[in-house]
Amino acid sequence: MPSRGPYRRHSPQFRLQLCQDIRSGAIGRRDAAKHHNLSTNLLQLWLTQYDRGELSSEEAEASIIAEYEARIAALERKVGQLTMELDLAKKTPRLRLVSDNETSSIITGPRPAPSEGGAK
C-alpha cells in the first residue's frame, strides 16, 4: 500500500456532509472511503462523532469563522509590512537615472571643454 504522505486535514463541513450522505444512504461507507481516499477507521470515527452529535453545523460555522479571522489577521500583517516598506522607500533618496551622455563620460573619462572664441 503506497504511503499517503503528510497528514491531511478535513474541514468540519466536509466531515459533516460525508456523514450525512452515508447516514441517509446516498453513498456507502466503502464507496465514500474509496472515493475520498480515507481509511475505514477514520470514517468510522467520524460516523461515531456524528451519531453522538459532536459533528454539527455550529461547529462547522465556527470553523469557517476561525479560518476567516486567521486569514484577516495574516492580511493585516501583510498590509502593515507593505506600508512600512513603502514609507521606507519614500524616505530613501532615489538614484537618478543616468543619461547616455553621462554614461559615455563615465566609461571614457571627462570630455574636453569646448574652447571659447572659436577654433585656433
PDB file of N, CA and C in Angstrom:
ATOM      1  N   MET A   1       0.845  -1.171   0.000  1.00  0.00           N
ATOM      2  CA  MET A   1       0.000   0.000   0.000  1.00  0.00           C
ATOM      3  C   MET A   1       0.892   1.236   0.000  1.00  0.00           C
ATOM      4  N   PRO A   2       0.684   2.175  -0.933  1.00  0.00           N
ATOM      5  CA  PRO A   2       1.547   3.346  -1.006  1.00  0.00           C
ATOM      6  C   PRO A   2       1.305   4.302   0.153  1.00  0.00           C
ATOM      7  N   SER A   3       2.343   5.026   0.479  1.00  0.00           N
ATOM      8  CA  SER A   3       2.254   5.998   1.559  1.00  0.00           C
ATOM      9  C   SER A   3       1.423   7.198   1.114  1.00  0.00           C
ATOM     10  N   ARG A   4       0.648   7.749   2.002  1.00  0.00           N
ATOM     11  CA  ARG A   4      -0.202   8.893   1.676  1.00  0.00           C
ATOM     12  C   ARG A   4       0.535  10.214   1.829  1.00  0.00           C
ATOM     13  N   GLY A   5       1.719  10.209   2.397  1.00  0.00           N
ATOM     14  CA  GLY A   5       2.462  11.454   2.571  1.00  0.00           C
ATOM     15  C   GLY A   5       2.058  12.150   3.859  1.00  0.00           C
ATOM     16  N   PRO A   6       2.109  13.477   3.851  1.00  0.00           N
ATOM     17  CA  PRO A   6       1.818  14.217   5.080  1.00  0.00           C
ATOM     18  C   PRO A   6       0.348  14.078   5.491  1.00  0.00           C
ATOM     19  N   TYR A   7       0.107  14.321   6.756  1.00  0.00           N
ATOM     20  CA  TYR A   7      -1.256  14.224   7.274  1.00  0.00           C
ATOM     21  C   TYR A   7      -2.153  15.230   6.564  1.00  0.00           C
ATOM     22  N   ARG A   8      -3.372  14.808   6.324  1.00  0.00           N
ATOM     23  CA  ARG A   8      -4.354  15.688   5.705  1.00  0.00           C
ATOM     24  C   ARG A   8      -5.354  16.107   6.759  1.00  0.00           C
ATOM     25  N   ARG A   9      -5.883  17.277   6.603  1.00  0.00           N
ATOM     26  CA  ARG A   9      -6.925  17.763   7.498  1.00  0.00           C
ATOM     27  C   ARG A   9      -8.186  17.975   6.677  1.00  0.00           C
ATOM     28  N   HIS A  10      -9.289  17.521   7.218  1.00  0.00           N
ATOM     29  CA  HIS A  10     -10.563  17.669   6.534  1.00  0.00           C
ATOM     30  C   HIS A  10     -11.422  18.632   7.331  1.00  0.00           C
ATOM     31  N   SER A  11     -12.055  19.527   6.615  1.00  0.00           N
ATOM     32  CA  SER A  11     -12.872  20.540   7.274  1.00  0.00           C
ATOM     33  C   SER A  11     -14.083  19.890   7.943  1.00  0.00           C
ATOM     34  N   PRO A  12     -14.586  20.538   8.988  1.00  0.00           N
ATOM     35  CA  PRO A  12     -15.796  20.016   9.640  1.00  0.00           C
ATOM     36  C   PRO A  12     -16.979  19.965   8.678  1.00  0.00           C
ATOM     37  N   GLN A  13     -17.033  20.889   7.720  1.00  0.00           N
ATOM     38  CA  GLN A  13     -18.117  20.874   6.743  1.00  0.00           C
ATOM     39  C   GLN A  13     -18.056  19.595   5.903  1.00  0.00           C
ATOM     40  N   PHE A  14     -16.850  19.229   5.472  1.00  0.00           N
ATOM     41  CA  PHE A  14     -16.671  18.016   4.671  1.00  0.00           C
ATOM     42  C   PHE A  14     -17.075  16.783   5.469  1.00  0.00           C
ATOM     43  N   ARG A  15     -16.599  16.699   6.707  1.00  0.00           N
ATOM     44  CA  ARG A  15     -16.923  15.540   7.541  1.00  0.00           C
ATOM     45  C   ARG A  15     -18.427  15.436   7.798  1.00  0.00           C
ATOM     46  N   LEU A  16     -19.043  16.587   8.094  1.00  0.00           N
ATOM     47  CA  LEU A  16     -20.478  16.602   8.364  1.00  0.00           C
ATOM     48  C   LEU A  16     -21.263  16.168   7.128  1.00  0.00           C
ATOM     49  N   GLN A  17     -20.916  16.718   5.976  1.00  0.00           N
ATOM     50  CA  GLN A  17     -21.625  16.377   4.751  1.00  0.00           C
ATOM     51  C   GLN A  17     -21.449  14.903   4.403  1.00  0.00           C
ATOM     52  N   LEU A  18     -20.231  14.388   4.547  1.00  0.00           N
ATOM     53  CA  LEU A  18     -19.972  12.987   4.238  1.00  0.00           C
ATOM     54  C   LEU A  18     -20.764  12.065   5.167  1.00  0.00           C
ATOM     55  N   CYS A  19     -20.786  12.391   6.456  1.00  0.00           N
ATOM     56  CA  CYS A  19     -21.544  11.563   7.399  1.00  0.00           C
ATOM     57  C   CYS A  19     -23.042  11.625   7.116  1.00  0.00           C
ATOM     58  N   GLN A  20     -23.535  12.808   6.750  1.00  0.00           N
ATOM     59  CA  GLN A  20     -24.948  12.923   6.407  1.00  0.00           C
ATOM     60  C   GLN A  20     -25.276  12.091   5.169  1.00  0.00           C
ATOM     61  N   ASP A  21     -24.390  12.121   4.186  1.00  0.00           N
ATOM     62  CA  ASP A  21     -24.613  11.328   2.971  1.00  0.00           C
ATOM     63  C   ASP A  21     -24.619   9.830   3.268  1.00  0.00           C
ATOM     64  N   ILE A  22     -23.708   9.400   4.138  1.00  0.00           N
ATOM     65  CA  ILE A  22     -23.646   7.973   4.472  1.00  0.00           C
ATOM     66  C   ILE A  22     -24.883   7.550   5.265  1.00  0.00           C
ATOM     67  N   ARG A  23     -25.257   8.361   6.250  1.00  0.00           N
ATOM     68  CA  ARG A  23     -26.412   8.003   7.090  1.00  0.00           C
ATOM     69  C   ARG A  23     -27.724   8.063   6.314  1.00  0.00           C
ATOM     70  N   SER A  24     -27.796   8.923   5.302  1.00  0.00           N
ATOM     71  CA  SER A  24     -29.031   8.995   4.510  1.00  0.00           C
ATOM     72  C   SER A  24     -29.082   7.911   3.439  1.00  0.00           C
ATOM     73  N   GLY A  25     -27.979   7.226   3.224  1.00  0.00           N
ATOM     74  CA  GLY A  25     -27.940   6.156   2.244  1.00  0.00           C
ATOM     75  C   GLY A  25     -27.556   6.619   0.848  1.00  0.00           C
ATOM     76  N   ALA A  26     -27.162   7.883   0.705  1.00  0.00           N
ATOM     77  CA  ALA A  26     -26.785   8.399  -0.612  1.00  0.00           C
ATOM     78  C   ALA A  26     -25.490   7.763  -1.108  1.00  0.00           C
ATOM     79  N   ILE A  27     -24.643   7.359  -0.184  1.00  0.00           N
ATOM     80  CA  ILE A  27     -23.361   6.735  -0.532  1.00  0.00           C
ATOM     81  C   ILE A  27     -23.035   5.704   0.547  1.00  0.00           C
ATOM     82  N   GLY A  28     -22.385   4.654   0.169  1.00  0.00           N
ATOM     83  CA  GLY A  28     -21.995   3.630   1.140  1.00  0.00           C
ATOM     84  C   GLY A  28     -20.658   3.964   1.780  1.00  0.00           C
ATOM     85  N   ARG A  29     -20.398   3.335   2.902  1.00  0.00           N
ATOM     86  CA  ARG A  29     -19.127   3.570   3.602  1.00  0.00           C
ATOM     87  C   ARG A  29     -17.935   3.230   2.729  1.00  0.00           C
ATOM     88  N   ARG A  30     -17.981   2.055   2.110  1.00  0.00           N
ATOM     89  CA  ARG A  30     -16.856   1.600   1.288  1.00  0.00           C
ATOM     90  C   ARG A  30     -16.629   2.551   0.114  1.00  0.00           C
ATOM     91  N   ASP A  31     -17.723   2.971  -0.530  1.00  0.00           N
ATOM     92  CA  ASP A  31     -17.600   3.897  -1.658  1.00  0.00           C
ATOM     93  C   ASP A  31     -17.036   5.246  -1.207  1.00  0.00           C
ATOM     94  N   ALA A  32     -17.493   5.725  -0.058  1.00  0.00           N
ATOM     95  CA  ALA A  32     -17.001   7.011   0.456  1.00  0.00           C
ATOM     96  C   ALA A  32     -15.511   6.930   0.780  1.00  0.00           C
ATOM     97  N   ALA A  33     -15.108   5.849   1.429  1.00  0.00           N
ATOM     98  CA  ALA A  33     -13.701   5.689   1.785  1.00  0.00           C
ATOM     99  C   ALA A  33     -12.834   5.607   0.533  1.00  0.00           C
ATOM    100  N   LYS A  34     -13.312   4.866  -0.465  1.00  0.00           N
ATOM    101  CA  LYS A  34     -12.535   4.701  -1.690  1.00  0.00           C
ATOM    102  C   LYS A  34     -12.490   5.995  -2.496  1.00  0.00           C
ATOM    103  N   HIS A  35     -13.630   6.652  -2.617  1.00  0.00           N
ATOM    104  CA  HIS A  35     -13.710   7.863  -3.426  1.00  0.00           C
ATOM    105  C   HIS A  35     -12.878   9.004  -2.836  1.00  0.00           C
ATOM    106  N   HIS A  36     -12.875   9.145  -1.516  1.00  0.00           N
ATOM    107  CA  HIS A  36     -12.166  10.244  -0.862  1.00  0.00           C
ATOM    108  C   HIS A  36     -10.808   9.826  -0.304  1.00  0.00           C
ATOM    109  N   ASN A  37     -10.412   8.583  -0.574  1.00  0.00           N
ATOM    110  CA  ASN A  37      -9.119   8.066  -0.122  1.00  0.00           C
ATOM    111  C   ASN A  37      -8.966   8.198   1.398  1.00  0.00           C
ATOM    112  N   LEU A  38      -9.958   7.680   2.113  1.00  0.00           N
ATOM    113  CA  LEU A  38      -9.971   7.726   3.575  1.00  0.00           C
ATOM    114  C   LEU A  38      -9.860   6.312   4.123  1.00  0.00           C
ATOM    115  N   SER A  39      -9.296   6.200   5.311  1.00  0.00           N
ATOM    116  CA  SER A  39      -9.257   4.886   5.949  1.00  0.00           C
ATOM    117  C   SER A  39     -10.643   4.599   6.536  1.00  0.00           C
ATOM    118  N   THR A  40     -10.965   3.338   6.585  1.00  0.00           N
ATOM    119  CA  THR A  40     -12.267   2.956   7.129  1.00  0.00           C
ATOM    120  C   THR A  40     -12.352   3.264   8.629  1.00  0.00           C
ATOM    121  N   ASN A  41     -11.219   3.190   9.311  1.00  0.00           N
ATOM    122  CA  ASN A  41     -11.212   3.523  10.742  1.00  0.00           C
ATOM    123  C   ASN A  41     -11.527   5.004  10.962  1.00  0.00           C
ATOM    124  N   LEU A  42     -10.945   5.878  10.128  1.00  0.00           N
ATOM    125  CA  LEU A  42     -11.218   7.307  10.253  1.00  0.00           C
ATOM    126  C   LEU A  42     -12.685   7.592   9.953  1.00  0.00           C
ATOM    127  N   LEU A  43     -13.187   6.952   8.942  1.00  0.00           N
ATOM    128  CA  LEU A  43     -14.588   7.143   8.582  1.00  0.00           C
ATOM    129  C   LEU A  43     -15.505   6.681   9.711  1.00  0.00           C
ATOM    130  N   GLN A  44     -15.172   5.560  10.328  1.00  0.00           N
ATOM    131  CA  GLN A  44     -15.969   5.075  11.463  1.00  0.00           C
ATOM    132  C   GLN A  44     -15.903   6.045  12.644  1.00  0.00           C
ATOM    133  N   LEU A  45     -14.729   6.631  12.872  1.00  0.00           N
ATOM    134  CA  LEU A  45     -14.586   7.618  13.943  1.00  0.00           C
ATOM    135  C   LEU A  45     -15.491   8.822  13.681  1.00  0.00           C
ATOM    136  N   TRP A  46     -15.492   9.304  12.455  1.00  0.00           N
ATOM    137  CA  TRP A  46     -16.352  10.435  12.105  1.00  0.00           C
ATOM    138  C   TRP A  46     -17.827  10.086  12.266  1.00  0.00           C
ATOM    139  N   LEU A  47     -18.208   8.887  11.849  1.00  0.00           N
ATOM    140  CA  LEU A  47     -19.610   8.479  11.983  1.00  0.00           C
ATOM    141  C   LEU A  47     -20.015   8.369  13.448  1.00  0.00           C
ATOM    142  N   THR A  48     -19.111   7.881  14.277  1.00  0.00           N
ATOM    143  CA  THR A  48     -19.391   7.797  15.710  1.00  0.00           C
ATOM    144  C   THR A  48     -19.582   9.199  16.284  1.00  0.00           C
ATOM    145  N   GLN A  49     -18.700  10.127  15.905  1.00  0.00           N
ATOM    146  CA  GLN A  49     -18.832  11.509  16.369  1.00  0.00           C
ATOM    147  C   GLN A  49     -20.143  12.120  15.870  1.00  0.00           C
ATOM    148  N   TYR A  50     -20.509  11.808  14.639  1.00  0.00           N
ATOM    149  CA  TYR A  50     -21.755  12.325  14.067  1.00  0.00           C
ATOM    150  C   TYR A  50     -22.961  11.790  14.840  1.00  0.00           C
ATOM    151  N   ASP A  51     -22.932  10.506  15.153  1.00  0.00           N
ATOM    152  CA  ASP A  51     -24.040   9.891  15.885  1.00  0.00           C
ATOM    153  C   ASP A  51     -24.168  10.466  17.292  1.00  0.00           C
ATOM    154  N   ARG A  52     -23.060  10.811  17.901  1.00  0.00           N
ATOM    155  CA  ARG A  52     -23.074  11.414  19.247  1.00  0.00           C
ATOM    156  C   ARG A  52     -23.486  12.884  19.213  1.00  0.00           C
ATOM    157  N   GLY A  53     -23.485  13.486  18.030  1.00  0.00           N
ATOM    158  CA  GLY A  53     -23.818  14.906  17.909  1.00  0.00           C
ATOM    159  C   GLY A  53     -22.600  15.807  18.026  1.00  0.00           C
ATOM    160  N   GLU A  54     -21.421  15.218  17.957  1.00  0.00           N
ATOM    161  CA  GLU A  54     -20.200  16.018  18.078  1.00  0.00           C
ATOM    162  C   GLU A  54     -19.850  16.737  16.776  1.00  0.00           C
ATOM    163  N   LEU A  55     -20.347  16.229  15.657  1.00  0.00           N
ATOM    164  CA  LEU A  55     -20.186  16.920  14.380  1.00  0.00           C
ATOM    165  C   LEU A  55     -21.486  17.654  14.112  1.00  0.00           C
ATOM    166  N   SER A  56     -21.455  18.956  14.146  1.00  0.00           N
ATOM    167  CA  SER A  56     -22.677  19.715  13.935  1.00  0.00           C
ATOM    168  C   SER A  56     -22.404  20.896  13.022  1.00  0.00           C
ATOM    169  N   SER A  57     -23.455  21.492  12.546  1.00  0.00           N
ATOM    170  CA  SER A  57     -23.309  22.646  11.658  1.00  0.00           C
ATOM    171  C   SER A  57     -22.757  23.851  12.411  1.00  0.00           C
ATOM    172  N   GLU A  58     -23.037  23.944  13.719  1.00  0.00           N
ATOM    173  CA  GLU A  58     -22.495  25.056  14.504  1.00  0.00           C
ATOM    174  C   GLU A  58     -20.971  24.961  14.566  1.00  0.00           C
ATOM    175  N   GLU A  59     -20.465  23.746  14.726  1.00  0.00           N
ATOM    176  CA  GLU A  59     -19.021  23.539  14.759  1.00  0.00           C
ATOM    177  C   GLU A  59     -18.414  23.897  13.403  1.00  0.00           C
ATOM    178  N   ALA A  60     -19.099  23.534  12.345  1.00  0.00           N
ATOM    179  CA  ALA A  60     -18.614  23.846  11.003  1.00  0.00           C
ATOM    180  C   ALA A  60     -18.587  25.355  10.782  1.00  0.00           C
ATOM    181  N   GLU A  61     -19.645  26.049  11.208  1.00  0.00           N
ATOM    182  CA  GLU A  61     -19.685  27.500  11.064  1.00  0.00           C
ATOM    183  C   GLU A  61     -18.605  28.168  11.903  1.00  0.00           C
ATOM    184  N   ALA A  62     -18.375  27.667  13.106  1.00  0.00           N
ATOM    185  CA  ALA A  62     -17.322  28.218  13.958  1.00  0.00           C
ATOM    186  C   ALA A  62     -15.957  28.017  13.318  1.00  0.00           C
ATOM    187  N   SER A  63     -15.779  26.894  12.674  1.00  0.00           N
ATOM    188  CA  SER A  63     -14.522  26.628  11.989  1.00  0.00           C
ATOM    189  C   SER A  63     -14.300  27.598  10.840  1.00  0.00           C
ATOM    190  N   ILE A  64     -15.364  27.879  10.083  1.00  0.00           N
ATOM    191  CA  ILE A  64     -15.264  28.833   8.978  1.00  0.00           C
ATOM    192  C   ILE A  64     -14.899  30.216   9.499  1.00  0.00           C
ATOM    193  N   ILE A  65     -15.550  30.632  10.563  1.00  0.00           N
ATOM    194  CA  ILE A  65     -15.278  31.949  11.143  1.00  0.00           C
ATOM    195  C   ILE A  65     -13.830  32.022  11.626  1.00  0.00           C
ATOM    196  N   ALA A  66     -13.345  30.974  12.263  1.00  0.00           N
ATOM    197  CA  ALA A  66     -11.961  30.959  12.741  1.00  0.00           C
ATOM    198  C   ALA A  66     -10.978  31.037  11.570  1.00  0.00           C
ATOM    199  N   GLU A  67     -11.282  30.336  10.481  1.00  0.00           N
ATOM    200  CA  GLU A  67     -10.418  30.394   9.302  1.00  0.00           C
ATOM    201  C   GLU A  67     -10.397  31.801   8.717  1.00  0.00           C
ATOM    202  N   TYR A  68     -11.568  32.446   8.639  1.00  0.00           N
ATOM    203  CA  TYR A  68     -11.639  33.805   8.117  1.00  0.00           C
ATOM    204  C   TYR A  68     -10.865  34.780   9.001  1.00  0.00           C
ATOM    205  N   GLU A  69     -11.009  34.626  10.307  1.00  0.00           N
ATOM    206  CA  GLU A  69     -10.294  35.518  11.227  1.00  0.00           C
ATOM    207  C   GLU A  69      -8.789  35.356  11.096  1.00  0.00           C
ATOM    208  N   ALA A  70      -8.333  34.124  10.935  1.00  0.00           N
ATOM    209  CA  ALA A  70      -6.897  33.897  10.764  1.00  0.00           C
ATOM    210  C   ALA A  70      -6.414  34.512   9.454  1.00  0.00           C
ATOM    211  N   ARG A  71      -7.208  34.382   8.401  1.00  0.00           N
ATOM    212  CA  ARG A  71      -6.846  34.964   7.103  1.00  0.00           C
ATOM    213  C   ARG A  71      -6.811  36.488   7.172  1.00  0.00           C
ATOM    214  N   ILE A  72      -7.777  37.080   7.856  1.00  0.00           N
ATOM    215  CA  ILE A  72      -7.820  38.537   8.019  1.00  0.00           C
ATOM    216  C   ILE A  72      -6.597  39.015   8.777  1.00  0.00           C
ATOM    217  N   ALA A  73      -6.237  38.302   9.835  1.00  0.00           N
ATOM    218  CA  ALA A  73      -5.055  38.685  10.618  1.00  0.00           C
ATOM    219  C   ALA A  73      -3.789  38.613   9.765  1.00  0.00           C
ATOM    220  N   ALA A  74      -3.672  37.582   8.950  1.00  0.00           N
ATOM    221  CA  ALA A  74      -2.495  37.457   8.080  1.00  0.00           C
ATOM    222  C   ALA A  74      -2.456  38.592   7.064  1.00  0.00           C
ATOM    223  N   LEU A  75      -3.605  38.935   6.504  1.00  0.00           N
ATOM    224  CA  LEU A  75      -3.651  40.030   5.537  1.00  0.00           C
ATOM    225  C   LEU A  75      -3.344  41.375   6.198  1.00  0.00           C
ATOM    226  N   GLU A  76      -3.805  41.574   7.419  1.00  0.00           N
ATOM    227  CA  GLU A  76      -3.490  42.816   8.131  1.00  0.00           C
ATOM    228  C   GLU A  76      -1.994  42.924   8.401  1.00  0.00           C
ATOM    229  N   ARG A  77      -1.361  41.808   8.751  1.00  0.00           N
ATOM    230  CA  ARG A  77       0.095  41.827   8.947  1.00  0.00           C
ATOM    231  C   ARG A  77       0.813  42.186   7.652  1.00  0.00           C
ATOM    232  N   LYS A  78       0.344  41.620   6.543  1.00  0.00           N
ATOM    233  CA  LYS A  78       0.955  41.889   5.242  1.00  0.00           C
ATOM    234  C   LYS A  78       0.791  43.360   4.851  1.00  0.00           C
ATOM    235  N   VAL A  79      -0.391  43.928   5.091  1.00  0.00           N
ATOM    236  CA  VAL A  79      -0.618  45.341   4.796  1.00  0.00           C
ATOM    237  C   VAL A  79       0.312  46.203   5.636  1.00  0.00           C
ATOM    238  N   GLY A  80       0.468  45.870   6.896  1.00  0.00           N
ATOM    239  CA  GLY A  80       1.384  46.619   7.758  1.00  0.00           C
ATOM    240  C   GLY A  80       2.812  46.556   7.251  1.00  0.00           C
ATOM    241  N   GLN A  81       3.239  45.381   6.838  1.00  0.00           N
ATOM    242  CA  GLN A  81       4.595  45.208   6.318  1.00  0.00           C
ATOM    243  C   GLN A  81       4.792  46.029   5.052  1.00  0.00           C
ATOM    244  N   LEU A  82       3.836  45.968   4.143  1.00  0.00           N
ATOM    245  CA  LEU A  82       3.950  46.708   2.887  1.00  0.00           C
ATOM    246  C   LEU A  82       3.901  48.216   3.124  1.00  0.00           C
ATOM    247  N   THR A  83       3.123  48.665   4.110  1.00  0.00           N
ATOM    248  CA  THR A  83       3.069  50.081   4.449  1.00  0.00           C
ATOM    249  C   THR A  83       4.419  50.553   4.971  1.00  0.00           C
ATOM    250  N   MET A  84       5.043  49.750   5.821  1.00  0.00           N
ATOM    251  CA  MET A  84       6.367  50.109   6.337  1.00  0.00           C
ATOM    252  C   MET A  84       7.392  50.162   5.204  1.00  0.00           C
ATOM    253  N   GLU A  85       7.346  49.209   4.281  1.00  0.00           N
ATOM    254  CA  GLU A  85       8.273  49.208   3.154  1.00  0.00           C
ATOM    255  C   GLU A  85       8.059  50.426   2.268  1.00  0.00           C
ATOM    256  N   LEU A  86       6.809  50.824   2.065  1.00  0.00           N
ATOM    257  CA  LEU A  86       6.508  51.994   1.248  1.00  0.00           C
ATOM    258  C   LEU A  86       7.018  53.264   1.922  1.00  0.00           C
ATOM    259  N   ASP A  87       6.807  53.387   3.232  1.00  0.00           N
ATOM    260  CA  ASP A  87       7.326  54.546   3.964  1.00  0.00           C
ATOM    261  C   ASP A  87       8.840  54.619   3.871  1.00  0.00           C
ATOM    262  N   LEU A  88       9.495  53.489   3.978  1.00  0.00           N
ATOM    263  CA  LEU A  88      10.949  53.449   3.878  1.00  0.00           C
ATOM    264  C   LEU A  88      11.408  53.851   2.484  1.00  0.00           C
ATOM    265  N   ALA A  89      10.695  53.380   1.479  1.00  0.00           N
ATOM    266  CA  ALA A  89      11.059  53.714   0.104  1.00  0.00           C
ATOM    267  C   ALA A  89      10.872  55.203  -0.170  1.00  0.00           C
ATOM    268  N   LYS A  90       9.881  55.821   0.454  1.00  0.00           N
ATOM    269  CA  LYS A  90       9.653  57.251   0.268  1.00  0.00           C
ATOM    270  C   LYS A  90      10.740  58.071   0.941  1.00  0.00           C
ATOM    271  N   LYS A  91      11.290  57.584   2.036  1.00  0.00           N
ATOM    272  CA  LYS A  91      12.290  58.333   2.790  1.00  0.00           C
ATOM    273  C   LYS A  91      13.688  58.224   2.201  1.00  0.00           C
ATOM    274  N   THR A  92      14.006  57.144   1.548  1.00  0.00           N
ATOM    275  CA  THR A  92      15.353  56.972   0.999  1.00  0.00           C
ATOM    276  C   THR A  92      15.473  57.714  -0.319  1.00  0.00           C
ATOM    277  N   PRO A  93      16.636  58.382  -0.557  1.00  0.00           N
ATOM    278  CA  PRO A  93      16.799  59.105  -1.820  1.00  0.00           C
ATOM    279  C   PRO A  93      16.877  58.137  -2.979  1.00  0.00           C
ATOM    280  N   ARG A  94      16.282  58.560  -4.068  1.00  0.00           N
ATOM    281  CA  ARG A  94      16.286  57.708  -5.252  1.00  0.00           C
ATOM    282  C   ARG A  94      17.548  57.981  -6.056  1.00  0.00           C
ATOM    283  N   LEU A  95      18.062  56.947  -6.678  1.00  0.00           N
ATOM    284  CA  LEU A  95      19.176  57.121  -7.595  1.00  0.00           C
ATOM    285  C   LEU A  95      18.618  57.748  -8.856  1.00  0.00           C
ATOM    286  N   ARG A  96      19.288  58.830  -9.314  1.00  0.00           N
ATOM    287  CA  ARG A  96      18.774  59.445 -10.531  1.00  0.00           C
ATOM    288  C   ARG A  96      19.232  58.630 -11.716  1.00  0.00           C
ATOM    289  N   LEU A  97      18.424  58.658 -12.720  1.00  0.00           N
ATOM    290  CA  LEU A  97      18.750  57.900 -13.913  1.00  0.00           C
ATOM    291  C   LEU A  97      19.894  58.579 -14.641  1.00  0.00           C
ATOM    292  N   VAL A  98      20.820  57.810 -15.134  1.00  0.00           N
ATOM    293  CA  VAL A  98      21.993  58.329 -15.823  1.00  0.00           C
ATOM    294  C   VAL A  98      21.660  58.416 -17.307  1.00  0.00           C
ATOM    295  N   SER A  99      21.874  59.589 -17.893  1.00  0.00           N
ATOM    296  CA  SER A  99      21.592  59.743 -19.315  1.00  0.00           C
ATOM    297  C   SER A  99      22.719  59.140 -20.133  1.00  0.00           C
ATOM    298  N   ASP A 100      22.523  59.029 -21.446  1.00  0.00           N
ATOM    299  CA  ASP A 100      23.527  58.430 -22.326  1.00  0.00           C
ATOM    300  C   ASP A 100      24.824  59.219 -22.316  1.00  0.00           C
ATOM    301  N   ASN A 101      24.780  60.554 -22.318  1.00  0.00           N
ATOM    302  CA  ASN A 101      25.997  61.375 -22.317  1.00  0.00           C
ATOM    303  C   ASN A 101      26.807  61.134 -21.055  1.00  0.00           C
ATOM    304  N   GLU A 102      26.117  61.058 -19.914  1.00  0.00           N
ATOM    305  CA  GLU A 102      26.827  60.823 -18.663  1.00  0.00           C
ATOM    306  C   GLU A 102      27.397  59.412 -18.624  1.00  0.00           C
ATOM    307  N   THR A 103      26.708  58.480 -19.211  1.00  0.00           N
ATOM    308  CA  THR A 103      27.193  57.108 -19.242  1.00  0.00           C
ATOM    309  C   THR A 103      28.491  57.036 -20.030  1.00  0.00           C
ATOM    310  N   SER A 104      28.540  57.692 -21.194  1.00  0.00           N
ATOM    311  CA  SER A 104      29.751  57.633 -22.002  1.00  0.00           C
ATOM    312  C   SER A 104      30.894  58.342 -21.308  1.00  0.00           C
ATOM    313  N   SER A 105      30.646  59.418 -20.542  1.00  0.00           N
ATOM    314  CA  SER A 105      31.725  60.104 -19.851  1.00  0.00           C
ATOM    315  C   SER A 105      32.249  59.268 -18.694  1.00  0.00           C
ATOM    316  N   ILE A 106      31.395  58.435 -18.143  1.00  0.00           N
ATOM    317  CA  ILE A 106      31.859  57.553 -17.074  1.00  0.00           C
ATOM    318  C   ILE A 106      32.809  56.524 -17.658  1.00  0.00           C
ATOM    319  N   ILE A 107      32.505  56.031 -18.828  1.00  0.00           N
ATOM    320  CA  ILE A 107      33.325  54.988 -19.438  1.00  0.00           C
ATOM    321  C   ILE A 107      34.618  55.548 -20.010  1.00  0.00           C
ATOM    322  N   THR A 108      34.549  56.690 -20.732  1.00  0.00           N
ATOM    323  CA  THR A 108      35.730  57.219 -21.436  1.00  0.00           C
ATOM    324  C   THR A 108      36.435  58.317 -20.680  1.00  0.00           C
ATOM    325  N   GLY A 109      35.899  58.776 -19.624  1.00  0.00           N
ATOM    326  CA  GLY A 109      36.517  59.857 -18.885  1.00  0.00           C
ATOM    327  C   GLY A 109      35.855  61.170 -19.264  1.00  0.00           C
ATOM    328  N   PRO A 110      36.270  62.268 -18.625  1.00  0.00           N
ATOM    329  CA  PRO A 110      35.622  63.550 -18.900  1.00  0.00           C
ATOM    330  C   PRO A 110      35.919  64.026 -20.321  1.00  0.00           C
ATOM    331  N   ARG A 111      34.985  64.742 -20.902  1.00  0.00           N
ATOM    332  CA  ARG A 111      35.176  65.297 -22.231  1.00  0.00           C
ATOM    333  C   ARG A 111      35.868  66.654 -22.115  1.00  0.00           C
ATOM    334  N   PRO A 112      36.642  66.976 -23.095  1.00  0.00           N
ATOM    335  CA  PRO A 112      37.287  68.303 -23.038  1.00  0.00           C
ATOM    336  C   PRO A 112      36.233  69.390 -23.194  1.00  0.00           C
ATOM    337  N   ALA A 113      36.480  70.522 -22.505  1.00  0.00           N
ATOM    338  CA  ALA A 113      35.553  71.637 -22.578  1.00  0.00           C
ATOM    339  C   ALA A 113      35.691  72.321 -23.932  1.00  0.00           C
ATOM    340  N   PRO A 114      34.599  72.762 -24.521  1.00  0.00           N
ATOM    341  CA  PRO A 114      34.711  73.459 -25.808  1.00  0.00           C
ATOM    342  C   PRO A 114      35.448  74.778 -25.616  1.00  0.00           C
ATOM    343  N   SER A 115      36.284  75.102 -26.573  1.00  0.00           N
ATOM    344  CA  SER A 115      37.095  76.327 -26.455  1.00  0.00           C
ATOM    345  C   SER A 115      36.244  77.530 -26.751  1.00  0.00           C
ATOM    346  N   GLU A 116      36.578  78.611 -26.069  1.00  0.00           N
ATOM    347  CA  GLU A 116      35.837  79.844 -26.257  1.00  0.00           C
ATOM    348  C   GLU A 116      36.481  80.658 -27.356  1.00  0.00           C
ATOM    349  N   GLY A 117      35.736  81.328 -28.129  1.00  0.00           N
ATOM    350  CA  GLY A 117      36.264  82.215 -29.163  1.00  0.00           C
ATOM    351  C   GLY A 117      36.585  81.521 -30.452  1.00  0.00           C
ATOM    352  N   GLY A 118      36.104  80.382 -30.690  1.00  0.00           N
ATOM    353  CA  GLY A 118      36.253  79.716 -31.972  1.00  0.00           C
ATOM    354  C   GLY A 118      37.449  78.807 -32.018  1.00  0.00           C
ATOM    355  N   ALA A 119      37.704  78.212 -33.190  1.00  0.00           N
ATOM    356  CA  ALA A 119      38.785  77.261 -33.367  1.00  0.00           C
ATOM    357  C   ALA A 119      40.089  77.989 -33.669  1.00  0.00           C
ATOM    358  N   LYS A 120      41.256  77.486 -33.262  1.00  0.00           N
ATOM    359  CA  LYS A 120      42.546  78.127 -33.485  1.00  0.00           C
ATOM    360  C   LYS A 120      43.290  77.452 -34.566  1.00  0.00           C
TER     361      LYS A 120
END
